[in-house]
């Protein structure tokens, strides 16, 4: 399973801290093993059930959000220098994990993708934090997962969470039109 996860998530190898990298990988293995979805499904299913006729896959959206997060952070560091501190490992780990809870949020009923009971009661930022906590990910990574979506609009986000939040929405909002 480890090799399969790394195949769909080569960005995991961007994380320099080996302990953090392993924890992110273990989160994904756990989520896939506890989901109705297969690893192959992630390349096929729409990234959101909220969008009618969405043709962008879960993994296409996810990898785009991670790549945009890194691009934004690098540009900010280049332009702002020492005036801004961005922990790239935290940012990458958080970006990779923001939608991990969706694997618990999805269900299949009569071959159709739908929202599970758990997904109706707890949105993916909550189940995502639960998965991350299970593997003792740093609170800074859990913060990004918790506050990447609308749930974070009433809280103060870290710099890394702000970047990931915007990268996620930039790769979501245009498809709502």
N, C-alpha and C. Protein backbone atom coordinates (compact mmCIF):
# COMPACT_ATOMS: atom_id res chain seq x y z
N UNK A 1 0.83 -1.20 0.00
CA UNK A 1 0.00 0.00 0.00
C UNK A 1 0.87 1.26 0.00
N UNK A 2 1.99 1.21 0.71
CA UNK A 2 2.89 2.37 0.81
C UNK A 2 3.30 2.85 -0.59
N UNK A 3 3.71 1.94 -1.45
CA UNK A 3 4.14 2.31 -2.80
C UNK A 3 3.00 2.90 -3.61
N UNK A 4 1.79 2.37 -3.42
CA UNK A 4 0.63 2.90 -4.14
C UNK A 4 0.32 4.33 -3.71
N UNK A 5 0.41 4.57 -2.41
CA UNK A 5 0.15 5.93 -1.90
C UNK A 5 1.21 6.90 -2.44
N UNK A 6 2.46 6.48 -2.40
CA UNK A 6 3.53 7.36 -2.92
C UNK A 6 3.40 7.59 -4.42
N UNK A 7 2.78 6.66 -5.12
CA UNK A 7 2.57 6.85 -6.57
C UNK A 7 1.55 7.96 -6.83
N UNK A 8 0.47 7.97 -6.04
CA UNK A 8 -0.53 9.03 -6.24
C UNK A 8 -0.14 10.32 -5.52
N UNK A 9 0.75 10.22 -4.56
CA UNK A 9 1.18 11.38 -3.76
C UNK A 9 2.70 11.54 -3.79
N UNK A 10 3.31 11.78 -4.95
CA UNK A 10 4.77 11.99 -4.96
C UNK A 10 5.18 13.22 -4.14
N UNK A 11 4.23 14.13 -3.92
CA UNK A 11 4.52 15.33 -3.13
C UNK A 11 4.87 15.01 -1.68
N UNK A 12 4.50 13.84 -1.20
CA UNK A 12 4.89 13.44 0.16
C UNK A 12 6.41 13.49 0.29
N UNK A 13 7.10 13.17 -0.78
CA UNK A 13 8.57 13.18 -0.75
C UNK A 13 9.16 14.59 -0.72
N UNK A 14 8.34 15.61 -0.87
CA UNK A 14 8.80 16.99 -0.72
C UNK A 14 9.04 17.33 0.75
N UNK A 15 8.43 16.57 1.65
CA UNK A 15 8.59 16.81 3.09
C UNK A 15 9.99 16.34 3.48
N UNK A 16 10.78 17.25 4.03
CA UNK A 16 12.17 16.93 4.37
C UNK A 16 12.31 16.14 5.67
N UNK A 17 11.45 16.43 6.64
CA UNK A 17 11.51 15.75 7.93
C UNK A 17 10.96 14.33 7.76
N UNK A 18 11.83 13.34 7.92
CA UNK A 18 11.43 11.94 7.67
C UNK A 18 10.33 11.44 8.59
N UNK A 19 10.34 11.87 9.85
CA UNK A 19 9.28 11.45 10.78
C UNK A 19 7.92 12.01 10.34
N UNK A 20 7.90 13.27 9.96
CA UNK A 20 6.66 13.89 9.48
C UNK A 20 6.20 13.23 8.18
N UNK A 21 7.13 13.00 7.28
CA UNK A 21 6.81 12.34 6.01
C UNK A 21 6.15 10.98 6.26
N UNK A 22 6.71 10.20 7.17
CA UNK A 22 6.17 8.87 7.48
C UNK A 22 4.78 8.96 8.09
N UNK A 23 4.56 9.94 8.95
CA UNK A 23 3.25 10.11 9.57
C UNK A 23 2.19 10.49 8.55
N UNK A 24 2.55 11.36 7.61
CA UNK A 24 1.61 11.74 6.54
C UNK A 24 1.26 10.52 5.70
N UNK A 25 2.26 9.75 5.36
CA UNK A 25 2.05 8.52 4.59
C UNK A 25 1.15 7.55 5.35
N UNK A 26 1.39 7.37 6.64
CA UNK A 26 0.57 6.46 7.44
C UNK A 26 -0.89 6.94 7.55
N UNK A 27 -1.09 8.25 7.59
CA UNK A 27 -2.46 8.79 7.59
C UNK A 27 -3.20 8.38 6.33
N UNK A 28 -2.53 8.49 5.20
CA UNK A 28 -3.17 8.14 3.93
C UNK A 28 -3.43 6.64 3.83
N UNK A 29 -2.51 5.84 4.28
CA UNK A 29 -2.73 4.38 4.27
C UNK A 29 -3.94 4.04 5.14
N UNK A 30 -3.98 4.61 6.33
CA UNK A 30 -5.11 4.36 7.24
C UNK A 30 -6.43 4.80 6.61
N UNK A 31 -6.47 6.00 6.05
CA UNK A 31 -7.72 6.53 5.49
C UNK A 31 -8.21 5.66 4.33
N UNK A 32 -7.30 5.22 3.47
CA UNK A 32 -7.70 4.38 2.34
C UNK A 32 -8.19 3.03 2.84
N UNK A 33 -7.49 2.47 3.80
CA UNK A 33 -7.89 1.16 4.34
C UNK A 33 -9.23 1.22 5.07
N UNK A 34 -9.65 2.40 5.52
CA UNK A 34 -10.90 2.55 6.26
C UNK A 34 -11.98 3.28 5.46
N UNK A 35 -11.81 3.32 4.16
CA UNK A 35 -12.74 4.00 3.27
C UNK A 35 -13.42 2.99 2.36
N UNK A 36 -14.59 3.35 1.86
CA UNK A 36 -15.24 2.53 0.84
C UNK A 36 -14.56 2.71 -0.51
N UNK A 37 -13.68 3.70 -0.59
CA UNK A 37 -12.98 4.00 -1.84
C UNK A 37 -11.67 3.25 -1.93
N UNK A 38 -11.31 2.88 -3.14
CA UNK A 38 -10.00 2.29 -3.38
C UNK A 38 -9.04 3.41 -3.77
N UNK A 39 -7.78 3.11 -3.76
CA UNK A 39 -6.78 4.09 -4.17
C UNK A 39 -7.01 4.49 -5.64
N UNK A 40 -7.48 3.53 -6.44
CA UNK A 40 -7.77 3.82 -7.85
C UNK A 40 -8.98 4.75 -7.99
N UNK A 41 -9.95 4.61 -7.09
CA UNK A 41 -11.13 5.49 -7.12
C UNK A 41 -10.73 6.96 -7.00
N UNK A 42 -9.68 7.24 -6.22
CA UNK A 42 -9.28 8.63 -5.98
C UNK A 42 -8.87 9.35 -7.26
N UNK A 43 -8.42 8.59 -8.24
CA UNK A 43 -8.04 9.18 -9.54
C UNK A 43 -9.26 9.39 -10.43
N UNK A 44 -10.41 8.82 -10.03
CA UNK A 44 -11.61 8.85 -10.88
C UNK A 44 -12.75 9.69 -10.32
N UNK A 45 -12.96 9.62 -9.00
CA UNK A 45 -14.12 10.28 -8.42
C UNK A 45 -13.99 11.80 -8.51
N UNK A 46 -15.13 12.50 -8.56
CA UNK A 46 -15.06 13.97 -8.56
C UNK A 46 -14.54 14.47 -7.22
N UNK A 47 -13.86 15.58 -7.24
CA UNK A 47 -13.26 16.09 -6.00
C UNK A 47 -14.30 16.66 -5.06
N UNK A 48 -15.51 16.90 -5.55
CA UNK A 48 -16.56 17.42 -4.69
C UNK A 48 -17.90 16.87 -5.14
N UNK A 49 -18.71 16.49 -4.17
CA UNK A 49 -20.08 16.08 -4.47
C UNK A 49 -20.99 17.30 -4.56
N UNK A 50 -20.46 18.46 -4.23
CA UNK A 50 -21.25 19.70 -4.26
C UNK A 50 -21.36 20.27 -5.67
N UNK A 51 -20.52 19.81 -6.58
CA UNK A 51 -20.48 20.35 -7.93
C UNK A 51 -21.15 19.39 -8.90
N UNK A 52 -22.16 19.86 -9.59
CA UNK A 52 -22.86 19.03 -10.57
C UNK A 52 -21.95 18.77 -11.77
N UNK A 53 -21.88 17.53 -12.18
CA UNK A 53 -21.09 17.11 -13.36
C UNK A 53 -19.61 17.50 -13.25
N UNK A 54 -19.06 17.41 -12.06
CA UNK A 54 -17.64 17.74 -11.85
C UNK A 54 -16.77 16.69 -12.53
N UNK A 55 -15.90 17.14 -13.42
CA UNK A 55 -15.02 16.23 -14.15
C UNK A 55 -13.58 16.23 -13.62
N UNK A 56 -13.31 17.06 -12.62
CA UNK A 56 -11.98 17.13 -12.03
C UNK A 56 -11.92 16.08 -10.92
N UNK A 57 -10.92 15.20 -10.99
CA UNK A 57 -10.84 14.12 -10.02
C UNK A 57 -10.35 14.63 -8.66
N UNK A 58 -10.62 13.82 -7.67
CA UNK A 58 -10.17 14.10 -6.30
C UNK A 58 -8.67 14.36 -6.28
N UNK A 59 -7.89 13.46 -6.87
CA UNK A 59 -6.43 13.60 -6.83
C UNK A 59 -5.94 14.78 -7.67
N UNK A 60 -6.59 15.06 -8.78
CA UNK A 60 -6.19 16.22 -9.59
C UNK A 60 -6.35 17.50 -8.77
N UNK A 61 -7.50 17.64 -8.12
CA UNK A 61 -7.74 18.81 -7.28
C UNK A 61 -6.74 18.86 -6.12
N UNK A 62 -6.55 17.72 -5.43
CA UNK A 62 -5.69 17.70 -4.26
C UNK A 62 -4.26 18.06 -4.61
N UNK A 63 -3.74 17.43 -5.65
CA UNK A 63 -2.35 17.69 -6.01
C UNK A 63 -2.18 19.14 -6.47
N UNK A 64 -3.18 19.67 -7.17
CA UNK A 64 -3.13 21.07 -7.59
C UNK A 64 -3.07 21.99 -6.38
N UNK A 65 -3.89 21.72 -5.37
CA UNK A 65 -3.90 22.56 -4.16
C UNK A 65 -2.54 22.51 -3.45
N UNK A 66 -1.93 21.33 -3.39
CA UNK A 66 -0.61 21.21 -2.76
C UNK A 66 0.43 21.99 -3.56
N UNK A 67 0.43 21.79 -4.86
CA UNK A 67 1.41 22.46 -5.72
C UNK A 67 1.25 23.98 -5.68
N UNK A 68 0.00 24.45 -5.69
CA UNK A 68 -0.24 25.89 -5.57
C UNK A 68 0.24 26.43 -4.23
N UNK A 69 0.00 25.67 -3.17
CA UNK A 69 0.45 26.08 -1.83
C UNK A 69 1.95 26.30 -1.81
N UNK A 70 2.68 25.36 -2.38
CA UNK A 70 4.15 25.46 -2.41
C UNK A 70 4.57 26.64 -3.29
N UNK A 71 3.93 26.81 -4.44
CA UNK A 71 4.26 27.93 -5.33
C UNK A 71 4.03 29.28 -4.62
N UNK A 72 2.89 29.41 -3.96
CA UNK A 72 2.59 30.65 -3.24
C UNK A 72 3.61 30.91 -2.14
N UNK A 73 3.89 29.88 -1.35
CA UNK A 73 4.86 30.03 -0.25
C UNK A 73 6.24 30.42 -0.77
N UNK A 74 6.67 29.78 -1.83
CA UNK A 74 7.98 30.11 -2.40
C UNK A 74 8.01 31.54 -2.91
N UNK A 75 6.96 32.00 -3.55
CA UNK A 75 6.90 33.38 -4.05
C UNK A 75 6.92 34.36 -2.88
N UNK A 76 6.19 34.05 -1.83
CA UNK A 76 6.16 34.93 -0.67
C UNK A 76 7.54 35.01 -0.01
N UNK A 77 8.19 33.87 0.13
CA UNK A 77 9.54 33.85 0.73
C UNK A 77 10.52 34.62 -0.15
N UNK A 78 10.39 34.47 -1.45
CA UNK A 78 11.28 35.17 -2.39
C UNK A 78 11.08 36.68 -2.30
N UNK A 79 9.83 37.09 -2.25
CA UNK A 79 9.53 38.53 -2.26
C UNK A 79 9.64 39.19 -0.89
N UNK A 80 9.32 38.47 0.18
CA UNK A 80 9.29 39.07 1.50
C UNK A 80 10.51 38.74 2.35
N UNK A 81 11.31 37.80 1.90
CA UNK A 81 12.55 37.46 2.61
C UNK A 81 12.34 37.14 4.06
N UNK A 82 13.16 37.74 4.92
CA UNK A 82 13.13 37.46 6.36
C UNK A 82 11.91 38.04 7.06
N UNK A 83 11.09 38.79 6.33
CA UNK A 83 9.91 39.40 6.96
C UNK A 83 8.79 38.38 7.17
N UNK A 84 8.92 37.20 6.56
CA UNK A 84 7.89 36.18 6.73
C UNK A 84 8.55 34.84 7.01
N UNK A 85 7.94 34.11 7.95
CA UNK A 85 8.42 32.77 8.27
C UNK A 85 7.37 31.77 7.80
N UNK A 86 7.79 30.83 6.98
CA UNK A 86 6.89 29.77 6.50
C UNK A 86 7.61 28.45 6.70
N UNK A 87 6.97 27.57 7.45
CA UNK A 87 7.52 26.23 7.64
C UNK A 87 7.02 25.36 6.48
N UNK A 88 7.90 25.08 5.55
CA UNK A 88 7.50 24.37 4.33
C UNK A 88 7.05 22.95 4.61
N UNK A 89 7.68 22.25 5.52
CA UNK A 89 7.24 20.89 5.84
C UNK A 89 5.83 20.90 6.43
N UNK A 90 5.55 21.83 7.32
CA UNK A 90 4.21 21.95 7.91
C UNK A 90 3.20 22.27 6.82
N UNK A 91 3.54 23.22 5.96
CA UNK A 91 2.65 23.62 4.87
C UNK A 91 2.35 22.44 3.94
N UNK A 92 3.38 21.72 3.52
CA UNK A 92 3.19 20.60 2.58
C UNK A 92 2.38 19.49 3.24
N UNK A 93 2.75 19.13 4.47
CA UNK A 93 2.01 18.07 5.18
C UNK A 93 0.55 18.46 5.34
N UNK A 94 0.30 19.68 5.75
CA UNK A 94 -1.08 20.14 5.92
C UNK A 94 -1.84 20.14 4.60
N UNK A 95 -1.21 20.63 3.56
CA UNK A 95 -1.88 20.68 2.25
C UNK A 95 -2.22 19.27 1.75
N UNK A 96 -1.33 18.33 1.97
CA UNK A 96 -1.58 16.95 1.54
C UNK A 96 -2.72 16.32 2.34
N UNK A 97 -2.91 16.76 3.57
CA UNK A 97 -3.88 16.13 4.47
C UNK A 97 -5.21 16.85 4.60
N UNK A 98 -5.39 18.02 4.00
CA UNK A 98 -6.61 18.78 4.27
C UNK A 98 -7.89 18.03 3.92
N UNK A 99 -7.88 17.22 2.91
CA UNK A 99 -9.10 16.52 2.52
C UNK A 99 -9.07 15.03 2.83
N UNK A 100 -8.17 14.60 3.67
CA UNK A 100 -8.09 13.17 4.01
C UNK A 100 -9.39 12.69 4.66
N UNK A 101 -10.06 13.56 5.39
CA UNK A 101 -11.33 13.20 6.01
C UNK A 101 -12.42 12.89 5.01
N UNK A 102 -12.28 13.36 3.77
CA UNK A 102 -13.28 13.06 2.75
C UNK A 102 -13.35 11.57 2.45
N UNK A 103 -12.27 10.85 2.69
CA UNK A 103 -12.32 9.41 2.46
C UNK A 103 -13.30 8.73 3.42
N UNK A 104 -13.53 9.35 4.56
CA UNK A 104 -14.52 8.87 5.52
C UNK A 104 -15.89 9.48 5.20
N UNK A 105 -15.87 10.64 4.57
CA UNK A 105 -17.09 11.38 4.24
C UNK A 105 -17.87 10.75 3.08
N UNK A 106 -17.19 10.01 2.23
CA UNK A 106 -17.84 9.38 1.08
C UNK A 106 -18.42 8.02 1.44
N UNK A 107 -19.48 7.64 0.69
CA UNK A 107 -20.06 6.32 0.78
C UNK A 107 -20.48 5.93 -0.63
N UNK A 108 -20.69 4.65 -0.83
CA UNK A 108 -21.21 4.15 -2.10
C UNK A 108 -22.52 3.45 -1.80
N UNK A 109 -23.58 3.89 -2.47
CA UNK A 109 -24.89 3.27 -2.32
C UNK A 109 -25.35 2.88 -3.72
N UNK A 110 -25.55 1.58 -3.90
CA UNK A 110 -25.96 1.05 -5.20
C UNK A 110 -25.04 1.53 -6.32
N UNK A 111 -23.75 1.55 -6.01
CA UNK A 111 -22.74 1.92 -7.00
C UNK A 111 -22.57 3.41 -7.21
N UNK A 112 -23.35 4.23 -6.53
CA UNK A 112 -23.26 5.69 -6.67
C UNK A 112 -22.57 6.30 -5.47
N UNK A 113 -21.75 7.30 -5.75
CA UNK A 113 -21.04 8.02 -4.70
C UNK A 113 -21.99 8.96 -3.98
N UNK A 114 -21.95 8.92 -2.67
CA UNK A 114 -22.82 9.77 -1.86
C UNK A 114 -22.08 10.16 -0.58
N UNK A 115 -22.73 10.94 0.25
CA UNK A 115 -22.14 11.33 1.54
C UNK A 115 -22.55 10.29 2.59
N UNK A 116 -21.58 9.83 3.35
CA UNK A 116 -21.83 8.85 4.41
C UNK A 116 -22.54 9.51 5.58
N UNK A 117 -23.05 8.68 6.48
CA UNK A 117 -23.65 9.20 7.72
C UNK A 117 -22.62 10.02 8.48
N UNK A 118 -21.39 9.49 8.57
CA UNK A 118 -20.32 10.23 9.26
C UNK A 118 -20.07 11.56 8.57
N UNK A 119 -20.10 11.57 7.24
CA UNK A 119 -19.88 12.81 6.48
C UNK A 119 -20.97 13.83 6.68
N UNK A 120 -22.19 13.36 6.93
CA UNK A 120 -23.31 14.27 7.18
C UNK A 120 -23.23 14.88 8.57
N UNK A 121 -22.66 14.12 9.50
CA UNK A 121 -22.58 14.58 10.89
C UNK A 121 -21.30 15.35 11.19
N UNK A 122 -20.19 14.96 10.55
CA UNK A 122 -18.89 15.61 10.76
C UNK A 122 -18.26 15.88 9.41
N UNK A 123 -18.07 17.14 9.09
CA UNK A 123 -17.40 17.45 7.82
C UNK A 123 -15.94 17.02 7.87
N UNK A 124 -15.34 16.93 6.69
CA UNK A 124 -13.98 16.40 6.56
C UNK A 124 -12.90 17.14 7.35
N UNK A 125 -13.01 18.44 7.64
CA UNK A 125 -11.96 19.03 8.49
C UNK A 125 -11.90 18.37 9.87
N UNK A 126 -13.05 17.96 10.41
CA UNK A 126 -13.08 17.33 11.73
C UNK A 126 -12.55 15.91 11.67
N UNK A 127 -13.04 15.12 10.71
CA UNK A 127 -12.54 13.75 10.60
C UNK A 127 -11.07 13.74 10.18
N UNK A 128 -10.64 14.74 9.41
CA UNK A 128 -9.24 14.85 9.02
C UNK A 128 -8.33 15.11 10.20
N UNK A 129 -8.76 15.98 11.10
CA UNK A 129 -7.98 16.25 12.32
C UNK A 129 -7.92 14.98 13.17
N UNK A 130 -9.01 14.25 13.24
CA UNK A 130 -9.05 13.01 14.02
C UNK A 130 -8.02 12.01 13.48
N UNK A 131 -7.95 11.88 12.16
CA UNK A 131 -6.97 10.96 11.56
C UNK A 131 -5.55 11.45 11.85
N UNK A 132 -5.32 12.74 11.66
CA UNK A 132 -3.98 13.30 11.90
C UNK A 132 -3.56 13.12 13.36
N UNK A 133 -4.49 13.32 14.27
CA UNK A 133 -4.19 13.16 15.69
C UNK A 133 -3.87 11.70 16.02
N UNK A 134 -4.56 10.78 15.38
CA UNK A 134 -4.31 9.34 15.58
C UNK A 134 -2.84 8.99 15.33
N UNK A 135 -2.21 9.73 14.39
CA UNK A 135 -0.81 9.47 14.05
C UNK A 135 0.14 10.52 14.62
N UNK A 136 -0.35 11.26 15.61
CA UNK A 136 0.45 12.24 16.36
C UNK A 136 1.11 13.29 15.46
N UNK A 137 0.37 13.75 14.46
CA UNK A 137 0.91 14.85 13.65
C UNK A 137 0.94 16.11 14.50
N UNK A 138 1.91 16.99 14.24
CA UNK A 138 2.01 18.22 15.03
C UNK A 138 0.72 19.05 14.96
N UNK A 139 0.45 19.75 16.03
CA UNK A 139 -0.76 20.58 16.11
C UNK A 139 -0.79 21.62 14.99
N UNK A 140 0.38 22.06 14.53
CA UNK A 140 0.43 23.04 13.43
C UNK A 140 -0.14 22.45 12.14
N UNK A 141 0.08 21.17 11.91
CA UNK A 141 -0.49 20.49 10.73
C UNK A 141 -1.99 20.29 10.95
N UNK A 142 -2.37 19.89 12.15
CA UNK A 142 -3.79 19.71 12.45
C UNK A 142 -4.56 21.03 12.30
N UNK A 143 -3.91 22.12 12.65
CA UNK A 143 -4.51 23.46 12.50
C UNK A 143 -4.84 23.72 11.03
N UNK A 144 -3.94 23.39 10.13
CA UNK A 144 -4.18 23.60 8.70
C UNK A 144 -5.38 22.78 8.25
N UNK A 145 -5.44 21.52 8.66
CA UNK A 145 -6.56 20.65 8.30
C UNK A 145 -7.87 21.23 8.83
N UNK A 146 -7.87 21.62 10.09
CA UNK A 146 -9.09 22.11 10.74
C UNK A 146 -9.60 23.40 10.11
N UNK A 147 -8.68 24.30 9.75
CA UNK A 147 -9.09 25.63 9.33
C UNK A 147 -8.96 25.90 7.83
N UNK A 148 -8.74 24.86 7.03
CA UNK A 148 -8.59 25.09 5.59
C UNK A 148 -9.90 25.45 4.92
N UNK A 149 -10.99 25.07 5.50
CA UNK A 149 -12.30 25.27 4.88
C UNK A 149 -13.05 26.37 5.62
N UNK A 150 -14.36 26.45 5.37
CA UNK A 150 -15.16 27.51 5.97
C UNK A 150 -15.15 27.47 7.49
N UNK A 151 -14.86 26.30 8.07
CA UNK A 151 -14.78 26.18 9.52
C UNK A 151 -13.73 27.12 10.11
N UNK A 152 -12.75 27.50 9.34
CA UNK A 152 -11.70 28.38 9.82
C UNK A 152 -11.95 29.85 9.65
N UNK A 153 -13.08 30.20 9.05
CA UNK A 153 -13.34 31.61 8.76
C UNK A 153 -13.50 32.48 10.01
N UNK A 154 -13.84 31.87 11.12
CA UNK A 154 -14.03 32.64 12.35
C UNK A 154 -12.82 32.59 13.28
N UNK A 155 -11.76 31.95 12.84
CA UNK A 155 -10.56 31.80 13.66
C UNK A 155 -9.37 32.48 13.00
N UNK A 156 -8.32 32.66 13.77
CA UNK A 156 -7.07 33.21 13.23
C UNK A 156 -6.26 32.05 12.66
N UNK A 157 -5.96 32.11 11.37
CA UNK A 157 -5.19 31.07 10.72
C UNK A 157 -3.70 31.40 10.76
N UNK A 158 -2.88 30.36 10.85
CA UNK A 158 -1.42 30.53 10.73
C UNK A 158 -1.10 30.93 9.29
N UNK A 159 0.11 31.41 9.06
CA UNK A 159 0.52 31.77 7.70
C UNK A 159 0.36 30.56 6.77
N UNK A 160 0.80 29.39 7.23
CA UNK A 160 0.70 28.18 6.40
C UNK A 160 -0.77 27.85 6.11
N UNK A 161 -1.64 28.00 7.10
CA UNK A 161 -3.07 27.71 6.91
C UNK A 161 -3.72 28.71 5.95
N UNK A 162 -3.29 29.97 6.01
CA UNK A 162 -3.82 30.98 5.08
C UNK A 162 -3.46 30.58 3.65
N UNK A 163 -2.22 30.22 3.43
CA UNK A 163 -1.76 29.85 2.09
C UNK A 163 -2.53 28.63 1.57
N UNK A 164 -2.62 27.59 2.39
CA UNK A 164 -3.31 26.36 1.97
C UNK A 164 -4.79 26.63 1.73
N UNK A 165 -5.41 27.41 2.60
CA UNK A 165 -6.82 27.77 2.43
C UNK A 165 -7.06 28.40 1.07
N UNK A 166 -6.24 29.38 0.72
CA UNK A 166 -6.43 30.07 -0.55
C UNK A 166 -6.10 29.18 -1.75
N UNK A 167 -5.06 28.37 -1.64
CA UNK A 167 -4.72 27.45 -2.74
C UNK A 167 -5.85 26.45 -2.96
N UNK A 168 -6.45 25.97 -1.88
CA UNK A 168 -7.57 25.04 -1.99
C UNK A 168 -8.76 25.70 -2.68
N UNK A 169 -9.09 26.91 -2.27
CA UNK A 169 -10.25 27.58 -2.86
C UNK A 169 -10.00 28.05 -4.28
N UNK A 170 -8.77 28.42 -4.61
CA UNK A 170 -8.45 28.80 -5.99
C UNK A 170 -8.67 27.61 -6.93
N UNK A 171 -8.44 26.40 -6.41
CA UNK A 171 -8.63 25.22 -7.25
C UNK A 171 -10.02 24.60 -7.08
N UNK A 172 -10.92 25.31 -6.40
CA UNK A 172 -12.30 24.86 -6.21
C UNK A 172 -13.31 25.86 -6.77
N UNK A 173 -13.21 27.10 -6.37
CA UNK A 173 -14.20 28.13 -6.71
C UNK A 173 -14.49 28.27 -8.20
N UNK A 174 -13.52 28.25 -9.10
CA UNK A 174 -13.83 28.41 -10.53
C UNK A 174 -14.77 27.35 -11.07
N UNK A 175 -14.82 26.19 -10.44
CA UNK A 175 -15.68 25.11 -10.92
C UNK A 175 -17.11 25.23 -10.42
N UNK A 176 -17.37 26.18 -9.53
CA UNK A 176 -18.72 26.41 -9.02
C UNK A 176 -19.58 27.20 -10.01
N UNK A 177 -18.91 27.82 -10.97
CA UNK A 177 -19.64 28.70 -11.91
C UNK A 177 -20.40 27.91 -12.95
